[in-house]
C-alpha cells in the first residue's frame, strides 16, 4: 500500500472517498461487550455504521479475539455486517494476524473505517499498526468503546497523534454518500433518524 502522507509532514486536507474505503469491526464479542461503557449506544451506532457501509457498497471485515474464551460476534452486529466471515486472532493488533493482513492487502483499499472494542487495546494497536503500514485509519468515535471511558479518551488522543482521522458514525456515512437525492442518501437518512 502506498503511504497517503508522512505523519511527520504537514497533512493535506482530503475527502474520504468510498471507493478507497473498507470497514473493519474489531472484536464486538458476547463476553466482552457487556462490560463496555455506554454499550447500548455503541451497539446502535455500530449497527447503523455497518448497515450504512453496506448501502454504500463499502466492503467489510471483522475480527474475533480468542472466540473460545470471549465468545463470538454479537448476533445483531453479525447480521448488520451482512456476510463476511470472522477472522480469528489471538494478537491484540489485527495487523499481527496474517489471516487479516492478506485479505486486507488484496482488497486494494487504503482507508480503513475502524469500529470495535476495546479502544485502548485492540483498536488502538490495530490503528497504530495500520498507520505504520501506510493505511489511513478513520476511527469512528461513537463506534468504539472501552470498559473505562478514560481509557477510550486517552486512546483517541494517541490514535489522532499517530495519524488517524477521528470522526462519528453519521459524519462518515454522509461524507461517503457525498450528495443528497440519491437512493443511497435516502437509505442513509433513514438509518440515522
N, C-alpha and C. Protein backbone atom coordinates (compact mmCIF):
# COMPACT_ATOMS: atom_id res chain seq x y z
N UNK A 1 0.83 -1.19 0.00
CA UNK A 1 0.00 0.00 0.00
C UNK A 1 0.87 1.24 0.00
N UNK A 2 0.46 2.20 -0.76
CA UNK A 2 1.19 3.47 -0.82
C UNK A 2 0.83 4.32 0.40
N UNK A 3 1.81 4.99 0.92
CA UNK A 3 1.57 5.88 2.06
C UNK A 3 0.77 7.08 1.57
N UNK A 4 -0.28 7.41 2.29
CA UNK A 4 -1.10 8.56 1.93
C UNK A 4 -0.38 9.85 2.26
N UNK A 5 0.24 9.90 3.42
CA UNK A 5 1.09 11.02 3.77
C UNK A 5 2.04 10.55 4.84
N UNK A 6 3.13 11.26 4.96
CA UNK A 6 4.09 11.01 6.01
C UNK A 6 3.62 11.82 7.22
N UNK A 7 3.40 11.14 8.36
CA UNK A 7 2.85 11.84 9.52
C UNK A 7 3.78 12.93 10.05
N UNK A 8 5.03 12.94 9.61
CA UNK A 8 5.96 13.98 10.03
C UNK A 8 5.88 15.22 9.14
N UNK A 9 5.13 15.13 8.06
CA UNK A 9 4.94 16.28 7.19
C UNK A 9 3.55 16.87 7.44
N UNK A 10 3.36 18.08 6.96
CA UNK A 10 2.05 18.71 7.12
C UNK A 10 1.01 17.93 6.32
N UNK A 11 -0.08 17.63 6.96
CA UNK A 11 -1.15 16.86 6.34
C UNK A 11 -1.99 17.77 5.45
N UNK A 12 -2.35 17.27 4.29
CA UNK A 12 -3.22 18.00 3.37
C UNK A 12 -4.67 17.61 3.66
N UNK A 13 -5.57 18.56 3.51
CA UNK A 13 -6.99 18.26 3.67
C UNK A 13 -7.39 17.26 2.59
N UNK A 14 -8.27 16.33 2.94
CA UNK A 14 -8.68 15.34 1.96
C UNK A 14 -10.12 14.94 2.19
N UNK A 15 -10.74 14.47 1.15
CA UNK A 15 -12.08 13.92 1.22
C UNK A 15 -11.95 12.41 1.31
N UNK A 16 -12.69 11.80 2.19
CA UNK A 16 -12.69 10.34 2.31
C UNK A 16 -13.64 9.81 1.24
N UNK A 17 -13.10 9.02 0.33
CA UNK A 17 -13.82 8.54 -0.84
C UNK A 17 -14.17 7.06 -0.66
N UNK A 18 -15.43 6.70 -0.85
CA UNK A 18 -15.88 5.34 -0.56
C UNK A 18 -15.19 4.27 -1.39
N UNK A 19 -14.73 4.60 -2.58
CA UNK A 19 -14.06 3.61 -3.42
C UNK A 19 -12.70 3.21 -2.87
N UNK A 20 -12.19 3.99 -1.92
CA UNK A 20 -10.90 3.69 -1.29
C UNK A 20 -11.05 3.12 0.11
N UNK A 21 -12.31 2.91 0.56
CA UNK A 21 -12.58 2.52 1.95
C UNK A 21 -12.90 1.04 2.12
N UNK A 22 -12.60 0.57 3.31
CA UNK A 22 -13.00 -0.74 3.79
C UNK A 22 -13.38 -0.57 5.25
N UNK A 23 -14.48 -1.18 5.68
CA UNK A 23 -14.90 -1.09 7.07
C UNK A 23 -14.37 -2.26 7.88
N UNK A 24 -13.95 -1.99 9.11
CA UNK A 24 -13.41 -3.02 10.00
C UNK A 24 -14.08 -2.95 11.36
N UNK A 25 -14.70 -4.07 11.76
CA UNK A 25 -15.29 -4.21 13.09
C UNK A 25 -14.37 -5.10 13.92
N UNK A 26 -13.87 -4.59 15.03
CA UNK A 26 -12.89 -5.29 15.84
C UNK A 26 -13.53 -5.83 17.12
N UNK A 27 -13.64 -7.14 17.21
CA UNK A 27 -13.89 -7.88 18.47
C UNK A 27 -15.15 -7.47 19.24
N UNK A 28 -16.26 -7.31 18.57
CA UNK A 28 -17.51 -6.96 19.27
C UNK A 28 -18.17 -8.29 19.67
N UNK A 29 -17.70 -8.83 20.77
CA UNK A 29 -17.99 -10.22 21.14
C UNK A 29 -18.83 -10.35 22.41
N UNK A 30 -19.50 -11.49 22.49
CA UNK A 30 -20.51 -11.77 23.51
C UNK A 30 -20.03 -11.58 24.95
N UNK A 31 -18.85 -12.04 25.29
CA UNK A 31 -18.40 -11.98 26.69
C UNK A 31 -17.67 -10.69 27.03
N UNK A 32 -17.25 -9.95 26.03
CA UNK A 32 -16.55 -8.69 26.25
C UNK A 32 -17.51 -7.50 26.20
N UNK A 33 -18.44 -7.54 25.28
CA UNK A 33 -19.34 -6.41 25.04
C UNK A 33 -20.13 -5.96 26.28
N UNK A 34 -20.68 -6.86 27.11
CA UNK A 34 -21.48 -6.41 28.25
C UNK A 34 -20.74 -5.50 29.23
N UNK A 35 -19.43 -5.48 29.18
CA UNK A 35 -18.64 -4.68 30.13
C UNK A 35 -18.24 -3.32 29.58
N UNK A 36 -18.67 -3.00 28.36
CA UNK A 36 -18.28 -1.74 27.73
C UNK A 36 -19.08 -0.56 28.27
N UNK A 37 -18.42 0.58 28.34
CA UNK A 37 -19.07 1.83 28.70
C UNK A 37 -20.05 2.22 27.60
N UNK A 38 -21.25 2.62 27.96
CA UNK A 38 -22.29 3.08 27.03
C UNK A 38 -22.59 2.04 25.95
N UNK A 39 -22.73 0.80 26.37
CA UNK A 39 -22.86 -0.31 25.42
C UNK A 39 -24.11 -0.23 24.55
N UNK A 40 -25.23 0.28 25.05
CA UNK A 40 -26.45 0.34 24.23
C UNK A 40 -26.26 1.32 23.07
N UNK A 41 -25.69 2.48 23.37
CA UNK A 41 -25.43 3.46 22.31
C UNK A 41 -24.39 2.92 21.32
N UNK A 42 -23.39 2.22 21.84
CA UNK A 42 -22.36 1.63 21.00
C UNK A 42 -22.97 0.63 20.01
N UNK A 43 -23.83 -0.24 20.49
CA UNK A 43 -24.45 -1.24 19.62
C UNK A 43 -25.31 -0.57 18.55
N UNK A 44 -26.07 0.43 18.94
CA UNK A 44 -26.93 1.16 17.98
C UNK A 44 -26.08 1.82 16.90
N UNK A 45 -25.02 2.50 17.28
CA UNK A 45 -24.18 3.20 16.31
C UNK A 45 -23.41 2.22 15.42
N UNK A 46 -22.91 1.14 16.00
CA UNK A 46 -22.16 0.16 15.19
C UNK A 46 -23.07 -0.47 14.13
N UNK A 47 -24.26 -0.87 14.51
CA UNK A 47 -25.15 -1.48 13.52
C UNK A 47 -25.54 -0.46 12.46
N UNK A 48 -25.74 0.79 12.85
CA UNK A 48 -26.02 1.86 11.88
C UNK A 48 -24.85 2.01 10.91
N UNK A 49 -23.64 2.01 11.44
CA UNK A 49 -22.45 2.15 10.60
C UNK A 49 -22.36 1.02 9.59
N UNK A 50 -22.51 -0.22 10.05
CA UNK A 50 -22.34 -1.37 9.14
C UNK A 50 -23.44 -1.42 8.09
N UNK A 51 -24.67 -1.13 8.51
CA UNK A 51 -25.77 -1.11 7.53
C UNK A 51 -25.54 0.01 6.51
N UNK A 52 -25.06 1.16 6.99
CA UNK A 52 -24.79 2.27 6.08
C UNK A 52 -23.64 1.96 5.12
N UNK A 53 -22.60 1.35 5.62
CA UNK A 53 -21.49 0.99 4.73
C UNK A 53 -21.92 -0.03 3.69
N UNK A 54 -22.80 -0.93 4.06
CA UNK A 54 -23.33 -1.89 3.07
C UNK A 54 -24.15 -1.17 2.01
N UNK A 55 -24.98 -0.22 2.42
CA UNK A 55 -25.76 0.57 1.45
C UNK A 55 -24.81 1.26 0.47
N UNK A 56 -23.70 1.75 0.98
CA UNK A 56 -22.72 2.48 0.17
C UNK A 56 -21.76 1.54 -0.57
N UNK A 57 -21.96 0.24 -0.40
CA UNK A 57 -21.16 -0.79 -1.07
C UNK A 57 -19.69 -0.73 -0.69
N UNK A 58 -19.44 -0.42 0.59
CA UNK A 58 -18.08 -0.45 1.14
C UNK A 58 -17.87 -1.85 1.72
N UNK A 59 -16.83 -2.56 1.30
CA UNK A 59 -16.60 -3.90 1.84
C UNK A 59 -16.30 -3.86 3.33
N UNK A 60 -16.65 -4.96 4.00
CA UNK A 60 -16.49 -5.05 5.45
C UNK A 60 -15.69 -6.29 5.84
N UNK A 61 -14.94 -6.15 6.93
CA UNK A 61 -14.23 -7.26 7.56
C UNK A 61 -14.50 -7.18 9.05
N UNK A 62 -14.40 -8.33 9.75
CA UNK A 62 -14.48 -8.27 11.20
C UNK A 62 -13.63 -9.36 11.84
N UNK A 63 -13.19 -9.05 13.06
CA UNK A 63 -12.32 -9.96 13.79
C UNK A 63 -12.97 -10.40 15.10
N UNK A 64 -12.45 -11.52 15.59
CA UNK A 64 -12.84 -12.04 16.90
C UNK A 64 -11.58 -12.42 17.66
N UNK A 65 -11.41 -11.83 18.83
CA UNK A 65 -10.27 -12.12 19.69
C UNK A 65 -10.57 -13.38 20.51
N UNK A 66 -9.80 -14.41 20.28
CA UNK A 66 -9.91 -15.67 21.03
C UNK A 66 -11.38 -16.01 21.34
N UNK A 67 -12.16 -16.34 20.30
CA UNK A 67 -13.61 -16.56 20.49
C UNK A 67 -13.97 -17.69 21.45
N UNK A 68 -13.11 -18.68 21.61
CA UNK A 68 -13.42 -19.74 22.57
C UNK A 68 -13.49 -19.20 23.99
N UNK A 69 -12.75 -18.14 24.26
CA UNK A 69 -12.77 -17.54 25.58
C UNK A 69 -13.69 -16.34 25.69
N UNK A 70 -13.78 -15.53 24.64
CA UNK A 70 -14.55 -14.29 24.69
C UNK A 70 -15.88 -14.36 23.96
N UNK A 71 -16.21 -15.54 23.42
CA UNK A 71 -17.46 -15.67 22.68
C UNK A 71 -17.33 -15.14 21.26
N UNK A 72 -18.43 -15.21 20.56
CA UNK A 72 -18.45 -14.84 19.15
C UNK A 72 -19.05 -13.46 18.98
N UNK A 73 -18.98 -12.92 17.79
CA UNK A 73 -19.54 -11.61 17.48
C UNK A 73 -21.03 -11.59 17.82
N UNK A 74 -21.48 -10.50 18.41
CA UNK A 74 -22.90 -10.36 18.76
C UNK A 74 -23.76 -10.63 17.53
N UNK A 75 -24.83 -11.41 17.66
CA UNK A 75 -25.67 -11.72 16.51
C UNK A 75 -26.18 -10.48 15.77
N UNK A 76 -26.57 -9.45 16.50
CA UNK A 76 -27.08 -8.23 15.85
C UNK A 76 -25.99 -7.54 15.01
N UNK A 77 -24.77 -7.58 15.51
CA UNK A 77 -23.64 -7.00 14.78
C UNK A 77 -23.35 -7.84 13.54
N UNK A 78 -23.31 -9.15 13.72
CA UNK A 78 -23.01 -10.04 12.59
C UNK A 78 -24.06 -9.87 11.49
N UNK A 79 -25.32 -9.73 11.88
CA UNK A 79 -26.39 -9.51 10.90
C UNK A 79 -26.18 -8.18 10.15
N UNK A 80 -25.82 -7.13 10.88
CA UNK A 80 -25.59 -5.83 10.26
C UNK A 80 -24.39 -5.86 9.31
N UNK A 81 -23.40 -6.67 9.63
CA UNK A 81 -22.22 -6.80 8.76
C UNK A 81 -22.56 -7.50 7.45
N UNK A 82 -23.54 -8.38 7.49
CA UNK A 82 -24.11 -8.93 6.28
C UNK A 82 -23.32 -9.92 5.47
N UNK A 83 -22.45 -10.71 6.08
CA UNK A 83 -21.89 -11.77 5.26
C UNK A 83 -20.44 -12.14 5.37
N UNK A 84 -19.52 -11.23 5.67
CA UNK A 84 -18.14 -11.71 5.72
C UNK A 84 -17.95 -12.69 6.88
N UNK A 85 -16.93 -13.51 6.77
CA UNK A 85 -16.60 -14.47 7.83
C UNK A 85 -15.67 -13.81 8.84
N UNK A 86 -15.80 -14.21 10.10
CA UNK A 86 -14.93 -13.69 11.15
C UNK A 86 -13.49 -14.14 10.91
N UNK A 87 -12.58 -13.25 11.24
CA UNK A 87 -11.15 -13.58 11.24
C UNK A 87 -10.74 -13.73 12.70
N UNK A 88 -10.39 -14.95 13.07
CA UNK A 88 -9.95 -15.21 14.45
C UNK A 88 -8.54 -14.70 14.65
N UNK A 89 -8.29 -14.20 15.88
CA UNK A 89 -6.96 -13.74 16.21
C UNK A 89 -6.68 -13.96 17.69
N UNK A 90 -5.41 -14.02 18.01
CA UNK A 90 -5.03 -14.01 19.42
C UNK A 90 -4.15 -12.80 19.71
N UNK A 91 -3.55 -12.21 18.67
CA UNK A 91 -2.80 -10.97 18.84
C UNK A 91 -3.78 -9.83 19.08
N UNK A 92 -3.35 -8.83 19.83
CA UNK A 92 -4.23 -7.69 20.05
C UNK A 92 -4.42 -6.89 18.77
N UNK A 93 -3.35 -6.61 18.06
CA UNK A 93 -3.45 -5.88 16.80
C UNK A 93 -3.90 -6.83 15.69
N UNK A 94 -4.91 -6.42 14.95
CA UNK A 94 -5.34 -7.22 13.79
C UNK A 94 -4.19 -7.40 12.81
N UNK A 95 -3.31 -6.43 12.75
CA UNK A 95 -2.21 -6.45 11.78
C UNK A 95 -1.17 -7.53 12.08
N UNK A 96 -1.19 -8.08 13.26
CA UNK A 96 -0.28 -9.17 13.60
C UNK A 96 -0.83 -10.53 13.19
N UNK A 97 -2.00 -10.54 12.57
CA UNK A 97 -2.65 -11.78 12.13
C UNK A 97 -2.60 -11.87 10.60
N UNK A 98 -1.81 -12.83 10.05
CA UNK A 98 -1.74 -12.98 8.60
C UNK A 98 -3.10 -13.18 7.94
N UNK A 99 -4.01 -13.88 8.62
CA UNK A 99 -5.35 -14.11 8.05
C UNK A 99 -6.13 -12.80 7.91
N UNK A 100 -5.69 -11.75 8.57
CA UNK A 100 -6.29 -10.42 8.41
C UNK A 100 -5.54 -9.63 7.34
N UNK A 101 -4.23 -9.58 7.43
CA UNK A 101 -3.44 -8.72 6.54
C UNK A 101 -3.52 -9.16 5.08
N UNK A 102 -3.54 -10.44 4.82
CA UNK A 102 -3.59 -10.90 3.43
C UNK A 102 -4.84 -10.42 2.70
N UNK A 103 -6.06 -10.65 3.24
CA UNK A 103 -7.24 -10.13 2.53
C UNK A 103 -7.32 -8.61 2.54
N UNK A 104 -6.78 -7.98 3.57
CA UNK A 104 -6.78 -6.51 3.59
C UNK A 104 -5.92 -5.98 2.45
N UNK A 105 -4.73 -6.51 2.31
CA UNK A 105 -3.85 -6.06 1.23
C UNK A 105 -4.47 -6.34 -0.14
N UNK A 106 -5.11 -7.50 -0.30
CA UNK A 106 -5.72 -7.87 -1.58
C UNK A 106 -6.91 -6.99 -1.92
N UNK A 107 -7.57 -6.45 -0.91
CA UNK A 107 -8.75 -5.61 -1.15
C UNK A 107 -8.39 -4.34 -1.93
N UNK A 108 -7.16 -3.89 -1.81
CA UNK A 108 -6.72 -2.72 -2.57
C UNK A 108 -7.34 -1.41 -2.11
N UNK A 109 -7.74 -1.34 -0.86
CA UNK A 109 -8.34 -0.12 -0.32
C UNK A 109 -7.45 0.38 0.81
N UNK A 110 -7.14 1.67 0.80
CA UNK A 110 -6.17 2.16 1.76
C UNK A 110 -6.74 3.01 2.89
N UNK A 111 -8.04 3.21 2.90
CA UNK A 111 -8.69 3.93 4.01
C UNK A 111 -9.54 2.91 4.77
N UNK A 112 -9.22 2.72 6.04
CA UNK A 112 -9.88 1.69 6.84
C UNK A 112 -10.74 2.38 7.90
N UNK A 113 -12.05 2.15 7.82
CA UNK A 113 -13.01 2.74 8.76
C UNK A 113 -13.12 1.79 9.95
N UNK A 114 -12.71 2.27 11.11
CA UNK A 114 -12.49 1.44 12.30
C UNK A 114 -13.61 1.60 13.32
N UNK A 115 -14.07 0.45 13.82
CA UNK A 115 -15.03 0.40 14.93
C UNK A 115 -14.65 -0.79 15.80
N UNK A 116 -15.17 -0.84 17.02
CA UNK A 116 -14.94 -2.03 17.83
C UNK A 116 -14.48 -1.76 19.24
N UNK A 117 -14.00 -2.84 19.88
CA UNK A 117 -13.60 -2.80 21.28
C UNK A 117 -12.33 -3.61 21.49
N UNK A 118 -11.59 -3.38 22.51
CA UNK A 118 -11.60 -2.20 23.34
C UNK A 118 -10.73 -1.14 22.71
N UNK A 119 -11.15 0.11 22.88
CA UNK A 119 -10.49 1.24 22.23
C UNK A 119 -9.00 1.31 22.55
N UNK A 120 -8.65 1.05 23.80
CA UNK A 120 -7.27 1.26 24.24
C UNK A 120 -6.38 0.03 24.05
N UNK A 121 -6.94 -1.07 23.56
CA UNK A 121 -6.14 -2.28 23.38
C UNK A 121 -6.15 -2.65 21.89
N UNK A 122 -7.07 -3.49 21.48
CA UNK A 122 -7.06 -4.00 20.10
C UNK A 122 -7.30 -2.90 19.07
N UNK A 123 -8.19 -1.98 19.35
CA UNK A 123 -8.47 -0.91 18.39
C UNK A 123 -7.23 -0.03 18.22
N UNK A 124 -6.67 0.47 19.32
CA UNK A 124 -5.53 1.37 19.23
C UNK A 124 -4.32 0.69 18.60
N UNK A 125 -4.03 -0.53 19.00
CA UNK A 125 -2.86 -1.21 18.43
C UNK A 125 -3.04 -1.46 16.93
N UNK A 126 -4.26 -1.82 16.52
CA UNK A 126 -4.53 -2.02 15.10
C UNK A 126 -4.38 -0.72 14.33
N UNK A 127 -4.95 0.36 14.86
CA UNK A 127 -4.87 1.67 14.21
C UNK A 127 -3.42 2.09 14.04
N UNK A 128 -2.63 1.98 15.09
CA UNK A 128 -1.23 2.41 15.01
C UNK A 128 -0.44 1.56 14.02
N UNK A 129 -0.73 0.25 13.98
CA UNK A 129 -0.05 -0.61 13.01
C UNK A 129 -0.50 -0.32 11.58
N UNK A 130 -1.77 0.00 11.39
CA UNK A 130 -2.24 0.37 10.05
C UNK A 130 -1.54 1.63 9.55
N UNK A 131 -1.41 2.62 10.43
CA UNK A 131 -0.69 3.84 10.05
C UNK A 131 0.73 3.47 9.64
N UNK A 132 1.39 2.64 10.43
CA UNK A 132 2.75 2.23 10.14
C UNK A 132 2.89 1.45 8.84
N UNK A 133 1.80 0.83 8.39
CA UNK A 133 1.80 0.06 7.15
C UNK A 133 1.33 0.88 5.94
N UNK A 134 1.08 2.17 6.14
CA UNK A 134 0.71 3.03 5.02
C UNK A 134 -0.78 3.18 4.78
N UNK A 135 -1.60 2.62 5.65
CA UNK A 135 -3.05 2.79 5.55
C UNK A 135 -3.47 4.05 6.30
N UNK A 136 -4.64 4.56 5.97
CA UNK A 136 -5.21 5.68 6.71
C UNK A 136 -6.40 5.16 7.52
N UNK A 137 -6.26 5.02 8.84
CA UNK A 137 -7.39 4.62 9.66
C UNK A 137 -8.30 5.81 9.95
N UNK A 138 -9.59 5.56 9.81
CA UNK A 138 -10.62 6.54 10.16
C UNK A 138 -11.38 5.92 11.33
N UNK A 139 -11.14 6.44 12.52
CA UNK A 139 -11.71 5.88 13.74
C UNK A 139 -13.07 6.54 13.99
N UNK A 140 -14.10 5.72 14.06
CA UNK A 140 -15.46 6.23 14.28
C UNK A 140 -15.69 6.28 15.80
N UNK A 141 -15.55 7.46 16.36
CA UNK A 141 -15.51 7.66 17.81
C UNK A 141 -16.71 7.07 18.53
N UNK A 142 -17.90 7.21 17.98
CA UNK A 142 -19.09 6.69 18.66
C UNK A 142 -19.33 5.21 18.34
N UNK A 143 -18.39 4.57 17.65
CA UNK A 143 -18.45 3.13 17.36
C UNK A 143 -17.27 2.38 17.96
N UNK A 144 -16.61 2.99 18.95
CA UNK A 144 -15.58 2.30 19.73
C UNK A 144 -15.86 2.53 21.20
N UNK A 145 -15.37 1.63 22.03
CA UNK A 145 -15.56 1.79 23.47
C UNK A 145 -14.51 0.98 24.23
N UNK A 146 -14.43 1.28 25.51
CA UNK A 146 -13.63 0.53 26.48
C UNK A 146 -14.48 0.37 27.73
N UNK A 147 -14.02 -0.45 28.64
CA UNK A 147 -14.72 -0.57 29.92
C UNK A 147 -14.68 0.75 30.66
N UNK A 148 -13.54 1.42 30.60
CA UNK A 148 -13.34 2.68 31.31
C UNK A 148 -13.29 3.82 30.30
N UNK A 149 -14.14 4.85 30.45
CA UNK A 149 -14.15 5.94 29.48
C UNK A 149 -12.82 6.70 29.39
N UNK A 150 -12.05 6.73 30.48
CA UNK A 150 -10.74 7.39 30.42
C UNK A 150 -9.78 6.65 29.50
N UNK A 151 -9.87 5.32 29.47
CA UNK A 151 -9.02 4.55 28.56
C UNK A 151 -9.36 4.90 27.11
N UNK A 152 -10.64 5.03 26.82
CA UNK A 152 -11.05 5.41 25.45
C UNK A 152 -10.54 6.81 25.11
N UNK A 153 -10.70 7.74 26.02
CA UNK A 153 -10.27 9.12 25.78
C UNK A 153 -8.78 9.19 25.46
N UNK A 154 -7.97 8.51 26.26
CA UNK A 154 -6.52 8.53 26.05
C UNK A 154 -6.17 7.83 24.73
N UNK A 155 -6.84 6.72 24.44
CA UNK A 155 -6.60 6.00 23.18
C UNK A 155 -6.91 6.89 21.98
N UNK A 156 -8.02 7.63 22.03
CA UNK A 156 -8.36 8.54 20.93
C UNK A 156 -7.28 9.61 20.74
N UNK A 157 -6.78 10.15 21.85
CA UNK A 157 -5.71 11.15 21.76
C UNK A 157 -4.48 10.55 21.08
N UNK A 158 -4.12 9.35 21.48
CA UNK A 158 -2.93 8.74 20.90
C UNK A 158 -3.14 8.39 19.42
N UNK A 159 -4.30 7.83 19.08
CA UNK A 159 -4.56 7.47 17.68
C UNK A 159 -4.52 8.71 16.79
N UNK A 160 -5.10 9.81 17.26
CA UNK A 160 -5.06 11.06 16.49
C UNK A 160 -3.61 11.52 16.32
N UNK A 161 -2.83 11.46 17.39
CA UNK A 161 -1.43 11.88 17.32
C UNK A 161 -0.62 11.00 16.37
N UNK A 162 -0.99 9.74 16.26
CA UNK A 162 -0.27 8.81 15.38
C UNK A 162 -0.66 8.98 13.91
N UNK A 163 -1.76 9.68 13.63
CA UNK A 163 -2.13 9.93 12.23
C UNK A 163 -3.50 9.47 11.81
N UNK A 164 -4.29 8.94 12.75
CA UNK A 164 -5.65 8.52 12.41
C UNK A 164 -6.57 9.74 12.33
N UNK A 165 -7.59 9.62 11.51
CA UNK A 165 -8.67 10.61 11.46
C UNK A 165 -9.75 10.13 12.43
N UNK A 166 -10.27 11.04 13.24
CA UNK A 166 -11.34 10.71 14.18
C UNK A 166 -12.62 11.36 13.66
N UNK A 167 -13.71 10.57 13.60
CA UNK A 167 -14.98 11.07 13.09
C UNK A 167 -16.11 10.43 13.87
N UNK A 168 -17.34 10.64 13.42
CA UNK A 168 -18.51 10.00 14.02
C UNK A 168 -19.24 9.19 12.95
N UNK A 169 -20.13 8.34 13.40
CA UNK A 169 -20.88 7.47 12.50
C UNK A 169 -21.65 8.28 11.45
N UNK A 170 -22.46 9.21 11.89
CA UNK A 170 -23.27 9.98 10.96
C UNK A 170 -22.40 10.79 10.01
N UNK A 171 -21.34 11.38 10.53
CA UNK A 171 -20.46 12.19 9.70
C UNK A 171 -19.82 11.36 8.58
N UNK A 172 -19.28 10.19 8.89
CA UNK A 172 -18.61 9.40 7.86
C UNK A 172 -19.62 8.88 6.83
N UNK A 173 -20.81 8.48 7.27
CA UNK A 173 -21.80 7.98 6.31
C UNK A 173 -22.21 9.06 5.32
N UNK A 174 -22.45 10.28 5.80
CA UNK A 174 -22.82 11.35 4.88
C UNK A 174 -21.64 11.80 4.02
N UNK A 175 -20.43 11.76 4.57
CA UNK A 175 -19.27 12.10 3.74
C UNK A 175 -19.11 11.11 2.60
N UNK A 176 -19.31 9.83 2.88
CA UNK A 176 -19.20 8.82 1.83
C UNK A 176 -20.34 8.90 0.83
N UNK A 177 -21.53 9.30 1.29
CA UNK A 177 -22.68 9.44 0.38
C UNK A 177 -22.48 10.62 -0.58
N UNK A 178 -21.85 11.67 -0.12
CA UNK A 178 -21.43 12.85 -0.89
C UNK A 178 -22.55 13.80 -1.30
N UNK A 179 -23.67 13.30 -1.83
CA UNK A 179 -24.73 14.19 -2.32
C UNK A 179 -26.10 13.72 -1.83
N UNK A 180 -27.02 14.67 -1.76
CA UNK A 180 -28.40 14.35 -1.39
C UNK A 180 -29.17 13.93 -2.65
N UNK A 181 -30.32 13.30 -2.43
CA UNK A 181 -31.21 13.00 -3.53
C UNK A 181 -31.04 11.63 -4.15
N UNK A 182 -29.97 10.92 -3.82
CA UNK A 182 -29.76 9.58 -4.39
C UNK A 182 -30.45 8.54 -3.52
N UNK A 183 -30.61 7.34 -4.05
CA UNK A 183 -31.17 6.25 -3.26
C UNK A 183 -30.29 5.93 -2.06
N UNK A 184 -28.97 6.00 -2.24
CA UNK A 184 -28.06 5.74 -1.13
C UNK A 184 -28.24 6.80 -0.04
N UNK A 185 -28.34 8.06 -0.43
CA UNK A 185 -28.55 9.13 0.55
C UNK A 185 -29.85 8.90 1.32
N UNK A 186 -30.91 8.54 0.60
CA UNK A 186 -32.20 8.31 1.26
C UNK A 186 -32.12 7.16 2.26
N UNK A 187 -31.42 6.10 1.88
CA UNK A 187 -31.26 4.95 2.79
C UNK A 187 -30.43 5.35 4.02
N UNK A 188 -29.39 6.12 3.82
CA UNK A 188 -28.56 6.59 4.95
C UNK A 188 -29.39 7.50 5.86
N UNK A 189 -30.18 8.38 5.26
CA UNK A 189 -31.03 9.29 6.06
C UNK A 189 -32.00 8.51 6.94
N UNK A 190 -32.56 7.42 6.40
CA UNK A 190 -33.46 6.58 7.20
C UNK A 190 -32.72 5.92 8.35
N UNK A 191 -31.49 5.49 8.12
CA UNK A 191 -30.71 4.84 9.16
C UNK A 191 -30.40 5.76 10.32
N UNK A 192 -30.07 7.01 10.04
CA UNK A 192 -29.61 7.91 11.11
C UNK A 192 -30.75 8.58 11.87
N UNK A 193 -31.99 8.41 11.44
CA UNK A 193 -33.13 9.01 12.15
C UNK A 193 -33.40 8.30 13.45
